[in-house]
Amino acid sequence: MAPFIFIKRKDIHIINLIGTARFLSEACDLVFDAASRGKNFLIVGTNTKTANLVARASIKARCHYVNKKMACRYVNELVHHRNKTSEV
């Protein structure tokens, strides 16, 4: 996150909009390309303020989602376990 923060004053972060816009545009292009090739997406948002938004947006976009902290830990452990077994 540090490259995108222009300055911080009294716990307020001022964001570098030019750098943020450039990388956000690049990220959108990558997601669009992956979606056009039929790739699956997992949207994660466990913050209590965003959990409902993540669920609604994911259902609308027909994506998988995790909006509970316990489920997020399980997914993290599953991915870690798969990476460890593929190294063997």
PDB file of N, CA and C in Angstrom:
ATOM      1  N   MET A   1       0.825  -1.198   0.000  1.00  0.00           N
ATOM      2  CA  MET A   1       0.000   0.000   0.000  1.00  0.00           C
ATOM      3  C   MET A   1       0.865   1.257   0.000  1.00  0.00           C
ATOM      4  N   ALA A   2       2.067   1.147   0.522  1.00  0.00           N
ATOM      5  CA  ALA A   2       2.953   2.303   0.665  1.00  0.00           C
ATOM      6  C   ALA A   2       3.206   3.064  -0.637  1.00  0.00           C
ATOM      7  N   PRO A   3       3.391   2.401  -1.787  1.00  0.00           N
ATOM      8  CA  PRO A   3       3.652   3.169  -3.007  1.00  0.00           C
ATOM      9  C   PRO A   3       2.484   4.069  -3.429  1.00  0.00           C
ATOM     10  N   PHE A   4       1.289   3.769  -2.936  1.00  0.00           N
ATOM     11  CA  PHE A   4       0.112   4.529  -3.350  1.00  0.00           C
ATOM     12  C   PHE A   4      -0.229   5.667  -2.392  1.00  0.00           C
ATOM     13  N   ILE A   5       0.443   5.712  -1.246  1.00  0.00           N
ATOM     14  CA  ILE A   5       0.184   6.771  -0.272  1.00  0.00           C
ATOM     15  C   ILE A   5       1.110   7.945  -0.562  1.00  0.00           C
ATOM     16  N   PHE A   6       0.511   9.090  -0.838  1.00  0.00           N
ATOM     17  CA  PHE A   6       1.275  10.297  -1.147  1.00  0.00           C
ATOM     18  C   PHE A   6       1.844  10.911   0.129  1.00  0.00           C
ATOM     19  N   ILE A   7       0.981  11.056   1.139  1.00  0.00           N
ATOM     20  CA  ILE A   7       1.410  11.636   2.417  1.00  0.00           C
ATOM     21  C   ILE A   7       0.413  11.207   3.491  1.00  0.00           C
ATOM     22  N   LYS A   8       0.872  11.192   4.731  1.00  0.00           N
ATOM     23  CA  LYS A   8       0.011  10.851   5.863  1.00  0.00           C
ATOM     24  C   LYS A   8       0.075  11.983   6.881  1.00  0.00           C
ATOM     25  N   ARG A   9      -1.099  12.484   7.272  1.00  0.00           N
ATOM     26  CA  ARG A   9      -1.190  13.550   8.272  1.00  0.00           C
ATOM     27  C   ARG A   9      -2.273  13.197   9.277  1.00  0.00           C
ATOM     28  N   LYS A  10      -1.897  13.111  10.539  1.00  0.00           N
ATOM     29  CA  LYS A  10      -2.854  12.862  11.625  1.00  0.00           C
ATOM     30  C   LYS A  10      -3.786  11.692  11.312  1.00  0.00           C
ATOM     31  N   ASP A  11      -3.217  10.551  10.977  1.00  0.00           N
ATOM     32  CA  ASP A  11      -3.963   9.324  10.665  1.00  0.00           C
ATOM     33  C   ASP A  11      -4.862   9.456   9.443  1.00  0.00           C
ATOM     34  N   ILE A  12      -4.600  10.421   8.596  1.00  0.00           N
ATOM     35  CA  ILE A  12      -5.322  10.563   7.326  1.00  0.00           C
ATOM     36  C   ILE A  12      -4.323  10.305   6.212  1.00  0.00           C
ATOM     37  N   HIS A  13      -4.642   9.356   5.348  1.00  0.00           N
ATOM     38  CA  HIS A  13      -3.757   9.002   4.243  1.00  0.00           C
ATOM     39  C   HIS A  13      -4.228   9.700   2.970  1.00  0.00           C
ATOM     40  N   ILE A  14      -3.341  10.443   2.358  1.00  0.00           N
ATOM     41  CA  ILE A  14      -3.643  11.090   1.081  1.00  0.00           C
ATOM     42  C   ILE A  14      -3.057  10.197  -0.006  1.00  0.00           C
ATOM     43  N   ILE A  15      -3.903   9.732  -0.901  1.00  0.00           N
ATOM     44  CA  ILE A  15      -3.530   8.727  -1.897  1.00  0.00           C
ATOM     45  C   ILE A  15      -3.028   9.383  -3.172  1.00  0.00           C
ATOM     46  N   ASN A  16      -2.011   8.775  -3.762  1.00  0.00           N
ATOM     47  CA  ASN A  16      -1.482   9.188  -5.059  1.00  0.00           C
ATOM     48  C   ASN A  16      -2.460   8.693  -6.132  1.00  0.00           C
ATOM     49  N   LEU A  17      -3.303   9.573  -6.626  1.00  0.00           N
ATOM     50  CA  LEU A  17      -4.355   9.177  -7.563  1.00  0.00           C
ATOM     51  C   LEU A  17      -3.816   8.739  -8.917  1.00  0.00           C
ATOM     52  N   ILE A  18      -2.732   9.331  -9.378  1.00  0.00           N
ATOM     53  CA  ILE A  18      -2.182   8.969 -10.690  1.00  0.00           C
ATOM     54  C   ILE A  18      -1.662   7.535 -10.667  1.00  0.00           C
ATOM     55  N   GLY A  19      -0.872   7.206  -9.661  1.00  0.00           N
ATOM     56  CA  GLY A  19      -0.357   5.840  -9.549  1.00  0.00           C
ATOM     57  C   GLY A  19      -1.459   4.835  -9.307  1.00  0.00           C
ATOM     58  N   THR A  20      -2.417   5.197  -8.462  1.00  0.00           N
ATOM     59  CA  THR A  20      -3.529   4.305  -8.163  1.00  0.00           C
ATOM     60  C   THR A  20      -4.365   4.044  -9.408  1.00  0.00           C
ATOM     61  N   ALA A  21      -4.675   5.076 -10.170  1.00  0.00           N
ATOM     62  CA  ALA A  21      -5.489   4.924 -11.380  1.00  0.00           C
ATOM     63  C   ALA A  21      -4.790   4.052 -12.409  1.00  0.00           C
ATOM     64  N   ARG A  22      -3.485   4.219 -12.544  1.00  0.00           N
ATOM     65  CA  ARG A  22      -2.738   3.435 -13.530  1.00  0.00           C
ATOM     66  C   ARG A  22      -2.790   1.945 -13.187  1.00  0.00           C
ATOM     67  N   PHE A  23      -2.513   1.598 -11.927  1.00  0.00           N
ATOM     68  CA  PHE A  23      -2.512   0.191 -11.537  1.00  0.00           C
ATOM     69  C   PHE A  23      -3.924  -0.382 -11.456  1.00  0.00           C
ATOM     70  N   LEU A  24      -4.909   0.426 -11.110  1.00  0.00           N
ATOM     71  CA  LEU A  24      -6.289  -0.038 -11.102  1.00  0.00           C
ATOM     72  C   LEU A  24      -6.743  -0.367 -12.516  1.00  0.00           C
ATOM     73  N   SER A  25      -6.359   0.455 -13.476  1.00  0.00           N
ATOM     74  CA  SER A  25      -6.682   0.191 -14.875  1.00  0.00           C
ATOM     75  C   SER A  25      -6.034  -1.109 -15.343  1.00  0.00           C
ATOM     76  N   GLU A  26      -4.784  -1.322 -14.953  1.00  0.00           N
ATOM     77  CA  GLU A  26      -4.084  -2.555 -15.328  1.00  0.00           C
ATOM     78  C   GLU A  26      -4.757  -3.775 -14.694  1.00  0.00           C
ATOM     79  N   ALA A  27      -5.161  -3.650 -13.433  1.00  0.00           N
ATOM     80  CA  ALA A  27      -5.846  -4.745 -12.749  1.00  0.00           C
ATOM     81  C   ALA A  27      -7.179  -5.055 -13.422  1.00  0.00           C
ATOM     82  N   CYS A  28      -7.913  -4.024 -13.824  1.00  0.00           N
ATOM     83  CA  CYS A  28      -9.192  -4.228 -14.518  1.00  0.00           C
ATOM     84  C   CYS A  28      -8.986  -4.961 -15.837  1.00  0.00           C
ATOM     85  N   ASP A  29      -7.933  -4.610 -16.563  1.00  0.00           N
ATOM     86  CA  ASP A  29      -7.630  -5.294 -17.822  1.00  0.00           C
ATOM     87  C   ASP A  29      -7.326  -6.771 -17.588  1.00  0.00           C
ATOM     88  N   LEU A  30      -6.558  -7.076 -16.542  1.00  0.00           N
ATOM     89  CA  LEU A  30      -6.228  -8.468 -16.233  1.00  0.00           C
ATOM     90  C   LEU A  30      -7.470  -9.268 -15.850  1.00  0.00           C
ATOM     91  N   VAL A  31      -8.344  -8.673 -15.047  1.00  0.00           N
ATOM     92  CA  VAL A  31      -9.576  -9.350 -14.645  1.00  0.00           C
ATOM     93  C   VAL A  31     -10.481  -9.563 -15.853  1.00  0.00           C
ATOM     94  N   PHE A  32     -10.607  -8.561 -16.705  1.00  0.00           N
ATOM     95  CA  PHE A  32     -11.436  -8.684 -17.904  1.00  0.00           C
ATOM     96  C   PHE A  32     -10.912  -9.798 -18.802  1.00  0.00           C
ATOM     97  N   ASP A  33      -9.590  -9.855 -18.981  1.00  0.00           N
ATOM     98  CA  ASP A  33      -8.976 -10.888 -19.812  1.00  0.00           C
ATOM     99  C   ASP A  33      -9.218 -12.279 -19.227  1.00  0.00           C
ATOM    100  N   ALA A  34      -9.033 -12.422 -17.921  1.00  0.00           N
ATOM    101  CA  ALA A  34      -9.253 -13.715 -17.272  1.00  0.00           C
ATOM    102  C   ALA A  34     -10.718 -14.132 -17.363  1.00  0.00           C
ATOM    103  N   ALA A  35     -11.627 -13.195 -17.177  1.00  0.00           N
ATOM    104  CA  ALA A  35     -13.057 -13.503 -17.260  1.00  0.00           C
ATOM    105  C   ALA A  35     -13.448 -13.919 -18.669  1.00  0.00           C
ATOM    106  N   SER A  36     -12.858 -13.283 -19.672  1.00  0.00           N
ATOM    107  CA  SER A  36     -13.193 -13.639 -21.055  1.00  0.00           C
ATOM    108  C   SER A  36     -12.683 -15.034 -21.409  1.00  0.00           C
ATOM    109  N   ARG A  37     -11.686 -15.540 -20.658  1.00  0.00           N
ATOM    110  CA  ARG A  37     -11.180 -16.895 -20.875  1.00  0.00           C
ATOM    111  C   ARG A  37     -11.877 -17.912 -19.973  1.00  0.00           C
ATOM    112  N   GLY A  38     -12.914 -17.476 -19.243  1.00  0.00           N
ATOM    113  CA  GLY A  38     -13.708 -18.383 -18.426  1.00  0.00           C
ATOM    114  C   GLY A  38     -13.094 -18.743 -17.085  1.00  0.00           C
ATOM    115  N   LYS A  39     -12.176 -17.946 -16.586  1.00  0.00           N
ATOM    116  CA  LYS A  39     -11.537 -18.222 -15.296  1.00  0.00           C
ATOM    117  C   LYS A  39     -12.515 -17.958 -14.152  1.00  0.00           C
ATOM    118  N   ASN A  40     -12.287 -18.620 -13.027  1.00  0.00           N
ATOM    119  CA  ASN A  40     -13.103 -18.433 -11.830  1.00  0.00           C
ATOM    120  C   ASN A  40     -12.466 -17.404 -10.913  1.00  0.00           C
ATOM    121  N   PHE A  41     -13.290 -16.727 -10.131  1.00  0.00           N
ATOM    122  CA  PHE A  41     -12.816 -15.708  -9.206  1.00  0.00           C
ATOM    123  C   PHE A  41     -13.326 -16.010  -7.809  1.00  0.00           C
ATOM    124  N   LEU A  42     -12.514 -15.685  -6.820  1.00  0.00           N
ATOM    125  CA  LEU A  42     -12.902 -15.779  -5.424  1.00  0.00           C
ATOM    126  C   LEU A  42     -12.779 -14.381  -4.834  1.00  0.00           C
ATOM    127  N   ILE A  43     -13.900 -13.822  -4.409  1.00  0.00           N
ATOM    128  CA  ILE A  43     -13.912 -12.484  -3.824  1.00  0.00           C
ATOM    129  C   ILE A  43     -13.941 -12.638  -2.309  1.00  0.00           C
ATOM    130  N   VAL A  44     -13.001 -11.985  -1.637  1.00  0.00           N
ATOM    131  CA  VAL A  44     -12.869 -12.102  -0.186  1.00  0.00           C
ATOM    132  C   VAL A  44     -13.071 -10.733   0.446  1.00  0.00           C
ATOM    133  N   GLY A  45     -13.943 -10.678   1.430  1.00  0.00           N
ATOM    134  CA  GLY A  45     -14.173  -9.450   2.182  1.00  0.00           C
ATOM    135  C   GLY A  45     -14.783  -9.793   3.520  1.00  0.00           C
ATOM    136  N   THR A  46     -13.965  -9.880   4.560  1.00  0.00           N
ATOM    137  CA  THR A  46     -14.448 -10.334   5.863  1.00  0.00           C
ATOM    138  C   THR A  46     -14.748  -9.199   6.830  1.00  0.00           C
ATOM    139  N   ASN A  47     -14.516  -7.983   6.429  1.00  0.00           N
ATOM    140  CA  ASN A  47     -14.835  -6.835   7.276  1.00  0.00           C
ATOM    141  C   ASN A  47     -16.350  -6.800   7.482  1.00  0.00           C
ATOM    142  N   THR A  48     -16.790  -6.561   8.705  1.00  0.00           N
ATOM    143  CA  THR A  48     -18.227  -6.589   8.993  1.00  0.00           C
ATOM    144  C   THR A  48     -19.004  -5.550   8.188  1.00  0.00           C
ATOM    145  N   LYS A  49     -18.357  -4.439   7.857  1.00  0.00           N
ATOM    146  CA  LYS A  49     -19.039  -3.404   7.080  1.00  0.00           C
ATOM    147  C   LYS A  49     -19.200  -3.793   5.617  1.00  0.00           C
ATOM    148  N   THR A  50     -18.336  -4.660   5.103  1.00  0.00           N
ATOM    149  CA  THR A  50     -18.365  -4.995   3.675  1.00  0.00           C
ATOM    150  C   THR A  50     -18.886  -6.394   3.379  1.00  0.00           C
ATOM    151  N   ALA A  51     -19.157  -7.201   4.390  1.00  0.00           N
ATOM    152  CA  ALA A  51     -19.546  -8.595   4.174  1.00  0.00           C
ATOM    153  C   ALA A  51     -20.795  -8.719   3.298  1.00  0.00           C
ATOM    154  N   ASN A  52     -21.814  -7.927   3.573  1.00  0.00           N
ATOM    155  CA  ASN A  52     -23.042  -8.004   2.771  1.00  0.00           C
ATOM    156  C   ASN A  52     -22.813  -7.513   1.349  1.00  0.00           C
ATOM    157  N   LEU A  53     -22.017  -6.475   1.196  1.00  0.00           N
ATOM    158  CA  LEU A  53     -21.696  -5.954  -0.133  1.00  0.00           C
ATOM    159  C   LEU A  53     -20.950  -6.998  -0.957  1.00  0.00           C
ATOM    160  N   VAL A  54     -19.996  -7.678  -0.340  1.00  0.00           N
ATOM    161  CA  VAL A  54     -19.238  -8.731  -1.026  1.00  0.00           C
ATOM    162  C   VAL A  54     -20.178  -9.845  -1.470  1.00  0.00           C
ATOM    163  N   ALA A  55     -21.077 -10.254  -0.603  1.00  0.00           N
ATOM    164  CA  ALA A  55     -22.020 -11.321  -0.948  1.00  0.00           C
ATOM    165  C   ALA A  55     -22.917 -10.910  -2.113  1.00  0.00           C
ATOM    166  N   ARG A  56     -23.496  -9.729  -2.043  1.00  0.00           N
ATOM    167  CA  ARG A  56     -24.398  -9.285  -3.113  1.00  0.00           C
ATOM    168  C   ARG A  56     -23.674  -9.134  -4.446  1.00  0.00           C
ATOM    169  N   ALA A  57     -22.493  -8.517  -4.428  1.00  0.00           N
ATOM    170  CA  ALA A  57     -21.734  -8.316  -5.670  1.00  0.00           C
ATOM    171  C   ALA A  57     -21.289  -9.644  -6.261  1.00  0.00           C
ATOM    172  N   SER A  58     -20.886 -10.576  -5.416  1.00  0.00           N
ATOM    173  CA  SER A  58     -20.434 -11.881  -5.896  1.00  0.00           C
ATOM    174  C   SER A  58     -21.574 -12.681  -6.506  1.00  0.00           C
ATOM    175  N   ILE A  59     -22.717 -12.643  -5.875  1.00  0.00           N
ATOM    176  CA  ILE A  59     -23.880 -13.353  -6.421  1.00  0.00           C
ATOM    177  C   ILE A  59     -24.281 -12.745  -7.758  1.00  0.00           C
ATOM    178  N   LYS A  60     -24.280 -11.438  -7.839  1.00  0.00           N
ATOM    179  CA  LYS A  60     -24.623 -10.756  -9.091  1.00  0.00           C
ATOM    180  C   LYS A  60     -23.638 -11.115 -10.203  1.00  0.00           C
ATOM    181  N   ALA A  61     -22.346 -11.224  -9.852  1.00  0.00           N
ATOM    182  CA  ALA A  61     -21.312 -11.537 -10.842  1.00  0.00           C
ATOM    183  C   ALA A  61     -21.117 -13.045 -11.015  1.00  0.00           C
ATOM    184  N   ARG A  62     -21.881 -13.847 -10.278  1.00  0.00           N
ATOM    185  CA  ARG A  62     -21.778 -15.313 -10.314  1.00  0.00           C
ATOM    186  C   ARG A  62     -20.359 -15.775  -9.990  1.00  0.00           C
ATOM    187  N   CYS A  63     -19.799 -15.215  -8.907  1.00  0.00           N
ATOM    188  CA  CYS A  63     -18.454 -15.564  -8.432  1.00  0.00           C
ATOM    189  C   CYS A  63     -18.554 -16.254  -7.075  1.00  0.00           C
ATOM    190  N   HIS A  64     -17.511 -16.961  -6.735  1.00  0.00           N
ATOM    191  CA  HIS A  64     -17.388 -17.520  -5.393  1.00  0.00           C
ATOM    192  C   HIS A  64     -16.993 -16.385  -4.455  1.00  0.00           C
ATOM    193  N   TYR A  65     -17.386 -16.511  -3.187  1.00  0.00           N
ATOM    194  CA  TYR A  65     -17.011 -15.463  -2.243  1.00  0.00           C
ATOM    195  C   TYR A  65     -16.844 -16.019  -0.837  1.00  0.00           C
ATOM    196  N   VAL A  66     -16.073 -15.310  -0.043  1.00  0.00           N
ATOM    197  CA  VAL A  66     -15.897 -15.600   1.377  1.00  0.00           C
ATOM    198  C   VAL A  66     -16.118 -14.287   2.105  1.00  0.00           C
ATOM    199  N   ASN A  67     -17.087 -14.280   3.025  1.00  0.00           N
ATOM    200  CA  ASN A  67     -17.331 -13.056   3.783  1.00  0.00           C
ATOM    201  C   ASN A  67     -17.377 -13.307   5.291  1.00  0.00           C
ATOM    202  N   LYS A  68     -16.844 -14.435   5.692  1.00  0.00           N
ATOM    203  CA  LYS A  68     -16.745 -14.758   7.112  1.00  0.00           C
ATOM    204  C   LYS A  68     -15.293 -15.087   7.438  1.00  0.00           C
ATOM    205  N   LYS A  69     -14.812 -14.607   8.578  1.00  0.00           N
ATOM    206  CA  LYS A  69     -13.401 -14.796   8.940  1.00  0.00           C
ATOM    207  C   LYS A  69     -13.034 -16.267   9.082  1.00  0.00           C
ATOM    208  N   MET A  70     -13.894 -17.068   9.671  1.00  0.00           N
ATOM    209  CA  MET A  70     -13.578 -18.482   9.869  1.00  0.00           C
ATOM    210  C   MET A  70     -13.425 -19.186   8.523  1.00  0.00           C
ATOM    211  N   ALA A  71     -14.298 -18.902   7.589  1.00  0.00           N
ATOM    212  CA  ALA A  71     -14.201 -19.507   6.258  1.00  0.00           C
ATOM    213  C   ALA A  71     -12.936 -19.044   5.548  1.00  0.00           C
ATOM    214  N   CYS A  72     -12.554 -17.814   5.771  1.00  0.00           N
ATOM    215  CA  CYS A  72     -11.340 -17.278   5.155  1.00  0.00           C
ATOM    216  C   CYS A  72     -10.111 -18.024   5.670  1.00  0.00           C
ATOM    217  N   ARG A  73     -10.079 -18.321   6.956  1.00  0.00           N
ATOM    218  CA  ARG A  73      -8.964 -19.094   7.517  1.00  0.00           C
ATOM    219  C   ARG A  73      -8.917 -20.486   6.897  1.00  0.00           C
ATOM    220  N   TYR A  74     -10.084 -21.104   6.717  1.00  0.00           N
ATOM    221  CA  TYR A  74     -10.146 -22.437   6.126  1.00  0.00           C
ATOM    222  C   TYR A  74      -9.605 -22.419   4.697  1.00  0.00           C
ATOM    223  N   VAL A  75      -9.999 -21.445   3.907  1.00  0.00           N
ATOM    224  CA  VAL A  75      -9.513 -21.331   2.524  1.00  0.00           C
ATOM    225  C   VAL A  75      -8.005 -21.132   2.517  1.00  0.00           C
ATOM    226  N   ASN A  76      -7.499 -20.299   3.402  1.00  0.00           N
ATOM    227  CA  ASN A  76      -6.061 -20.053   3.490  1.00  0.00           C
ATOM    228  C   ASN A  76      -5.305 -21.338   3.821  1.00  0.00           C
ATOM    229  N   GLU A  77      -5.805 -22.116   4.782  1.00  0.00           N
ATOM    230  CA  GLU A  77      -5.159 -23.372   5.149  1.00  0.00           C
ATOM    231  C   GLU A  77      -5.231 -24.380   4.010  1.00  0.00           C
ATOM    232  N   LEU A  78      -6.340 -24.415   3.302  1.00  0.00           N
ATOM    233  CA  LEU A  78      -6.493 -25.332   2.177  1.00  0.00           C
ATOM    234  C   LEU A  78      -5.491 -25.012   1.071  1.00  0.00           C
ATOM    235  N   VAL A  79      -5.348 -23.755   0.735  1.00  0.00           N
ATOM    236  CA  VAL A  79      -4.388 -23.346  -0.298  1.00  0.00           C
ATOM    237  C   VAL A  79      -2.969 -23.657   0.155  1.00  0.00           C
ATOM    238  N   HIS A  80      -2.660 -23.368   1.412  1.00  0.00           N
ATOM    239  CA  HIS A  80      -1.324 -23.647   1.943  1.00  0.00           C
ATOM    240  C   HIS A  80      -1.039 -25.147   1.885  1.00  0.00           C
ATOM    241  N   HIS A  81      -2.019 -25.974   2.251  1.00  0.00           N
ATOM    242  CA  HIS A  81      -1.861 -27.429   2.225  1.00  0.00           C
ATOM    243  C   HIS A  81      -1.638 -27.928   0.799  1.00  0.00           C
ATOM    244  N   ARG A  82      -2.387 -27.415  -0.150  1.00  0.00           N
ATOM    245  CA  ARG A  82      -2.222 -27.828  -1.554  1.00  0.00           C
ATOM    246  C   ARG A  82      -0.846 -27.440  -2.080  1.00  0.00           C
ATOM    247  N   ASN A  83      -0.363 -26.266  -1.714  1.00  0.00           N
ATOM    248  CA  ASN A  83       0.970 -25.840  -2.146  1.00  0.00           C
ATOM    249  C   ASN A  83       2.045 -26.743  -1.559  1.00  0.00           C
ATOM    250  N   LYS A  84       1.891 -27.137  -0.296  1.00  0.00           N
ATOM    251  CA  LYS A  84       2.867 -28.010   0.347  1.00  0.00           C
ATOM    252  C   LYS A  84       2.875 -29.392  -0.302  1.00  0.00           C
ATOM    253  N   THR A  85       1.690 -29.940  -0.626  1.00  0.00           N
ATOM    254  CA  THR A  85       1.637 -31.278  -1.220  1.00  0.00           C
ATOM    255  C   THR A  85       2.119 -31.273  -2.661  1.00  0.00           C
ATOM    256  N   SER A  86       1.984 -30.165  -3.367  1.00  0.00           N
ATOM    257  CA  SER A  86       2.459 -30.110  -4.751  1.00  0.00           C
ATOM    258  C   SER A  86       3.976 -29.998  -4.821  1.00  0.00           C
ATOM    259  N   GLU A  87       4.616 -29.542  -3.727  1.00  0.00           N
ATOM    260  CA  GLU A  87       6.071 -29.442  -3.696  1.00  0.00           C
ATOM    261  C   GLU A  87       6.723 -30.807  -3.547  1.00  0.00           C
ATOM    262  N   VAL A  88       5.987 -31.769  -3.004  1.00  0.00           N
ATOM    263  CA  VAL A  88       6.552 -33.102  -2.732  1.00  0.00           C
ATOM    264  C   VAL A  88       6.717 -33.897  -3.979  1.00  0.00           C
TER     265      VAL A  88
END
